[in-house]
């Protein structure tokens, strides 16, 4: 599955959060564990925390959104937004079956 919209927001802030939330709610990519995220996004709209979007991205990639994985991806996203090219490569491991 491709997640360009969510990945673009998490890595570059483009498009804006309000647009990402709106479009995710329109499409609602399916994955086990994703429906509660959509319920929260429906209630919070553009106020949806980035951490919730990070956790959703893990779930959509087939990973557990446990504390360790969310903290890891939050760090990767922060480094990528700061210009760390290696972090962008690390981010791409979300969808690999060997990633945790």
N, C-alpha and C. Protein backbone atom coordinates (compact mmCIF):
# COMPACT_ATOMS: atom_id res chain seq x y z
N UNK A 1 0.83 -1.17 0.00
CA UNK A 1 0.00 0.00 0.00
C UNK A 1 0.88 1.24 0.00
N UNK A 2 0.46 2.26 -0.68
CA UNK A 2 1.19 3.53 -0.74
C UNK A 2 0.54 4.53 0.22
N UNK A 3 1.35 5.28 0.90
CA UNK A 3 0.85 6.25 1.88
C UNK A 3 1.50 7.60 1.66
N UNK A 4 1.56 8.04 0.41
CA UNK A 4 2.24 9.29 0.06
C UNK A 4 1.69 10.48 0.83
N UNK A 5 0.39 10.55 0.99
CA UNK A 5 -0.24 11.67 1.68
C UNK A 5 0.26 11.76 3.12
N UNK A 6 0.14 10.68 3.87
CA UNK A 6 0.55 10.67 5.27
C UNK A 6 2.06 10.80 5.39
N UNK A 7 2.79 10.11 4.53
CA UNK A 7 4.25 10.21 4.56
C UNK A 7 4.70 11.64 4.26
N UNK A 8 4.06 12.28 3.28
CA UNK A 8 4.41 13.66 2.95
C UNK A 8 4.21 14.59 4.13
N UNK A 9 3.11 14.41 4.85
CA UNK A 9 2.87 15.24 6.01
C UNK A 9 3.91 14.96 7.10
N UNK A 10 4.11 13.69 7.41
CA UNK A 10 5.03 13.36 8.50
C UNK A 10 6.46 13.79 8.21
N UNK A 11 6.90 13.64 6.98
CA UNK A 11 8.29 13.95 6.65
C UNK A 11 8.52 15.42 6.29
N UNK A 12 7.55 16.04 5.64
CA UNK A 12 7.76 17.40 5.12
C UNK A 12 6.72 18.42 5.55
N UNK A 13 5.66 17.97 6.20
CA UNK A 13 4.60 18.90 6.58
C UNK A 13 3.72 19.32 5.43
N UNK A 14 3.78 18.57 4.33
CA UNK A 14 3.01 18.87 3.12
C UNK A 14 2.25 17.63 2.67
N UNK A 15 0.97 17.70 2.48
CA UNK A 15 0.08 18.83 2.69
C UNK A 15 -0.10 19.10 4.19
N UNK A 16 -0.86 20.11 4.53
CA UNK A 16 -1.10 20.44 5.92
C UNK A 16 -1.91 19.37 6.63
N UNK A 17 -1.86 19.41 7.95
CA UNK A 17 -2.54 18.39 8.75
C UNK A 17 -4.04 18.34 8.47
N UNK A 18 -4.70 19.49 8.37
CA UNK A 18 -6.15 19.50 8.13
C UNK A 18 -6.49 18.73 6.86
N UNK A 19 -5.71 18.94 5.81
CA UNK A 19 -5.95 18.24 4.54
C UNK A 19 -5.69 16.75 4.67
N UNK A 20 -4.64 16.38 5.37
CA UNK A 20 -4.31 14.96 5.57
C UNK A 20 -5.44 14.27 6.32
N UNK A 21 -5.88 14.88 7.40
CA UNK A 21 -6.96 14.29 8.19
C UNK A 21 -8.23 14.16 7.35
N UNK A 22 -8.58 15.21 6.64
CA UNK A 22 -9.79 15.17 5.80
C UNK A 22 -9.73 14.04 4.79
N UNK A 23 -8.59 13.93 4.11
CA UNK A 23 -8.47 12.90 3.06
C UNK A 23 -8.38 11.50 3.64
N UNK A 24 -7.71 11.34 4.77
CA UNK A 24 -7.67 10.02 5.41
C UNK A 24 -9.07 9.59 5.84
N UNK A 25 -9.86 10.52 6.32
CA UNK A 25 -11.22 10.18 6.72
C UNK A 25 -12.10 9.85 5.52
N UNK A 26 -11.81 10.43 4.37
CA UNK A 26 -12.55 10.09 3.16
C UNK A 26 -12.23 8.68 2.69
N UNK A 27 -10.96 8.35 2.70
CA UNK A 27 -10.49 7.08 2.14
C UNK A 27 -10.46 5.96 3.18
N UNK A 28 -10.06 6.28 4.39
CA UNK A 28 -9.93 5.33 5.50
C UNK A 28 -9.23 4.03 5.08
N UNK A 29 -7.94 4.10 4.79
CA UNK A 29 -7.21 2.87 4.46
C UNK A 29 -7.42 1.84 5.57
N UNK A 30 -7.69 0.63 5.18
CA UNK A 30 -8.02 -0.41 6.13
C UNK A 30 -6.80 -1.16 6.62
N UNK A 31 -6.78 -1.40 7.90
CA UNK A 31 -5.76 -2.22 8.55
C UNK A 31 -6.30 -2.57 9.93
N UNK A 32 -5.89 -3.71 10.43
CA UNK A 32 -6.30 -4.10 11.77
C UNK A 32 -5.82 -3.05 12.76
N UNK A 33 -6.73 -2.56 13.58
CA UNK A 33 -6.39 -1.56 14.57
C UNK A 33 -6.55 -0.12 14.12
N UNK A 34 -6.86 0.12 12.85
CA UNK A 34 -6.98 1.48 12.34
C UNK A 34 -8.28 2.20 12.72
N UNK A 35 -9.43 1.51 12.82
CA UNK A 35 -10.69 2.22 13.07
C UNK A 35 -10.69 3.17 14.28
N UNK A 36 -10.07 2.83 15.42
CA UNK A 36 -10.08 3.79 16.52
C UNK A 36 -9.35 5.10 16.19
N UNK A 37 -8.33 5.01 15.35
CA UNK A 37 -7.62 6.23 14.94
C UNK A 37 -8.55 7.12 14.13
N UNK A 38 -9.33 6.52 13.24
CA UNK A 38 -10.25 7.30 12.43
C UNK A 38 -11.33 7.94 13.30
N UNK A 39 -11.78 7.23 14.32
CA UNK A 39 -12.77 7.80 15.23
C UNK A 39 -12.19 9.03 15.94
N UNK A 40 -10.97 8.91 16.40
CA UNK A 40 -10.32 10.04 17.05
C UNK A 40 -10.11 11.20 16.10
N UNK A 41 -9.70 10.90 14.86
CA UNK A 41 -9.50 11.95 13.87
C UNK A 41 -10.82 12.64 13.54
N UNK A 42 -11.91 11.87 13.51
CA UNK A 42 -13.23 12.44 13.23
C UNK A 42 -13.59 13.46 14.31
N UNK A 43 -13.26 13.14 15.55
CA UNK A 43 -13.59 14.03 16.66
C UNK A 43 -12.67 15.24 16.75
N UNK A 44 -11.38 15.04 16.45
CA UNK A 44 -10.39 16.09 16.66
C UNK A 44 -10.05 16.91 15.42
N UNK A 45 -10.30 16.36 14.24
CA UNK A 45 -9.98 17.07 13.01
C UNK A 45 -8.52 17.48 12.96
N UNK A 46 -8.27 18.73 12.63
CA UNK A 46 -6.90 19.23 12.49
C UNK A 46 -6.14 19.26 13.82
N UNK A 47 -6.86 19.08 14.93
CA UNK A 47 -6.20 19.02 16.24
C UNK A 47 -5.66 17.63 16.55
N UNK A 48 -5.83 16.68 15.63
CA UNK A 48 -5.30 15.33 15.82
C UNK A 48 -3.80 15.44 16.08
N UNK A 49 -3.32 14.85 17.17
CA UNK A 49 -1.89 14.95 17.47
C UNK A 49 -1.04 14.23 16.42
N UNK A 50 0.11 14.79 16.14
CA UNK A 50 1.05 14.13 15.23
C UNK A 50 1.38 12.73 15.71
N UNK A 51 1.45 12.54 17.02
CA UNK A 51 1.77 11.22 17.56
C UNK A 51 0.71 10.19 17.15
N UNK A 52 -0.55 10.61 17.07
CA UNK A 52 -1.61 9.71 16.61
C UNK A 52 -1.41 9.37 15.13
N UNK A 53 -0.99 10.33 14.34
CA UNK A 53 -0.74 10.07 12.91
C UNK A 53 0.47 9.15 12.74
N UNK A 54 1.46 9.31 13.60
CA UNK A 54 2.63 8.43 13.56
C UNK A 54 2.20 7.01 13.90
N UNK A 55 1.40 6.86 14.95
CA UNK A 55 0.93 5.53 15.34
C UNK A 55 0.05 4.92 14.24
N UNK A 56 -0.81 5.74 13.63
CA UNK A 56 -1.63 5.24 12.52
C UNK A 56 -0.76 4.76 11.38
N UNK A 57 0.29 5.50 11.07
CA UNK A 57 1.18 5.10 9.97
C UNK A 57 1.80 3.74 10.24
N UNK A 58 2.17 3.49 11.49
CA UNK A 58 2.70 2.17 11.85
C UNK A 58 1.65 1.09 11.61
N UNK A 59 0.45 1.32 12.10
CA UNK A 59 -0.64 0.35 11.95
C UNK A 59 -0.92 0.08 10.48
N UNK A 60 -0.95 1.14 9.68
CA UNK A 60 -1.22 0.95 8.24
C UNK A 60 -0.09 0.21 7.55
N UNK A 61 1.10 0.28 8.12
CA UNK A 61 2.24 -0.46 7.58
C UNK A 61 2.34 -1.88 8.13
N UNK A 62 1.34 -2.27 8.92
CA UNK A 62 1.31 -3.64 9.45
C UNK A 62 2.14 -3.84 10.70
N UNK A 63 2.49 -2.75 11.37
CA UNK A 63 3.30 -2.82 12.58
C UNK A 63 2.45 -2.54 13.80
N UNK A 64 2.95 -2.95 14.95
CA UNK A 64 2.29 -2.63 16.21
C UNK A 64 2.60 -1.18 16.57
N UNK A 65 1.59 -0.48 17.04
CA UNK A 65 1.78 0.90 17.49
C UNK A 65 2.04 0.90 18.99
N UNK A 66 3.05 0.11 19.40
CA UNK A 66 3.39 0.05 20.82
C UNK A 66 4.35 1.19 21.16
N UNK A 67 4.64 1.36 22.43
CA UNK A 67 5.46 2.49 22.87
C UNK A 67 6.80 2.54 22.16
N UNK A 68 7.46 1.41 22.04
CA UNK A 68 8.79 1.38 21.43
C UNK A 68 8.75 1.79 19.96
N UNK A 69 7.81 1.25 19.22
CA UNK A 69 7.72 1.58 17.80
C UNK A 69 7.31 3.03 17.57
N UNK A 70 6.36 3.53 18.37
CA UNK A 70 5.93 4.93 18.21
C UNK A 70 7.08 5.87 18.57
N UNK A 71 7.80 5.58 19.65
CA UNK A 71 8.93 6.43 20.03
C UNK A 71 10.01 6.40 18.95
N UNK A 72 10.28 5.22 18.39
CA UNK A 72 11.27 5.10 17.32
C UNK A 72 10.86 5.93 16.11
N UNK A 73 9.60 5.79 15.67
CA UNK A 73 9.17 6.51 14.47
C UNK A 73 9.07 8.01 14.73
N UNK A 74 8.68 8.41 15.93
CA UNK A 74 8.65 9.84 16.27
C UNK A 74 10.05 10.43 16.14
N UNK A 75 11.06 9.70 16.61
CA UNK A 75 12.44 10.16 16.50
C UNK A 75 12.88 10.22 15.03
N UNK A 76 12.54 9.22 14.26
CA UNK A 76 12.89 9.19 12.84
C UNK A 76 12.26 10.38 12.12
N UNK A 77 10.99 10.63 12.40
CA UNK A 77 10.28 11.75 11.76
C UNK A 77 10.95 13.08 12.14
N UNK A 78 11.28 13.25 13.40
CA UNK A 78 11.93 14.50 13.84
C UNK A 78 13.27 14.70 13.14
N UNK A 79 14.04 13.63 13.03
CA UNK A 79 15.34 13.73 12.36
C UNK A 79 15.17 14.01 10.87
N UNK A 80 14.17 13.38 10.25
CA UNK A 80 13.92 13.59 8.82
C UNK A 80 13.50 15.04 8.57
N UNK A 81 12.63 15.56 9.41
CA UNK A 81 12.18 16.96 9.26
C UNK A 81 13.33 17.94 9.46
N UNK A 82 14.35 17.51 10.22
CA UNK A 82 15.52 18.36 10.46
C UNK A 82 16.55 18.25 9.35
N UNK A 83 16.26 17.41 8.33
CA UNK A 83 17.15 17.32 7.18
C UNK A 83 18.07 16.12 7.15
N UNK A 84 17.88 15.17 8.05
CA UNK A 84 18.71 13.97 8.10
C UNK A 84 18.27 12.99 7.01
N UNK A 85 19.08 12.89 5.95
CA UNK A 85 18.73 12.00 4.82
C UNK A 85 18.69 10.54 5.27
N UNK A 86 19.55 10.16 6.20
CA UNK A 86 19.54 8.79 6.71
C UNK A 86 18.24 8.45 7.41
N UNK A 87 17.64 9.44 8.06
CA UNK A 87 16.36 9.21 8.73
C UNK A 87 15.26 8.93 7.71
N UNK A 88 15.33 9.59 6.55
CA UNK A 88 14.35 9.32 5.50
C UNK A 88 14.46 7.87 5.02
N UNK A 89 15.69 7.39 4.88
CA UNK A 89 15.89 5.99 4.50
C UNK A 89 15.36 5.06 5.58
N UNK A 90 15.61 5.41 6.83
CA UNK A 90 15.13 4.60 7.94
C UNK A 90 13.60 4.58 7.97
N UNK A 91 12.98 5.71 7.68
CA UNK A 91 11.51 5.80 7.64
C UNK A 91 10.95 4.80 6.64
N UNK A 92 11.61 4.65 5.53
CA UNK A 92 11.12 3.74 4.49
C UNK A 92 11.12 2.28 4.92
N UNK A 93 11.76 1.95 6.05
CA UNK A 93 11.76 0.57 6.52
C UNK A 93 10.43 0.18 7.17
N UNK A 94 9.53 1.15 7.37
CA UNK A 94 8.23 0.85 8.02
C UNK A 94 7.52 -0.29 7.31
N UNK A 95 7.55 -0.28 5.99
CA UNK A 95 6.77 -1.25 5.23
C UNK A 95 7.53 -2.53 4.91
N UNK A 96 8.73 -2.65 5.39
CA UNK A 96 9.48 -3.90 5.16
C UNK A 96 9.08 -4.92 6.21
N UNK A 97 8.98 -6.14 5.79
CA UNK A 97 8.54 -7.19 6.71
C UNK A 97 9.55 -7.46 7.81
N UNK A 98 10.83 -7.09 7.60
CA UNK A 98 11.84 -7.34 8.63
C UNK A 98 11.96 -6.20 9.63
N UNK A 99 11.25 -5.09 9.42
CA UNK A 99 11.29 -3.98 10.37
C UNK A 99 10.43 -4.33 11.57
N UNK A 100 10.79 -3.81 12.75
CA UNK A 100 10.05 -4.16 13.96
C UNK A 100 8.75 -3.41 14.07
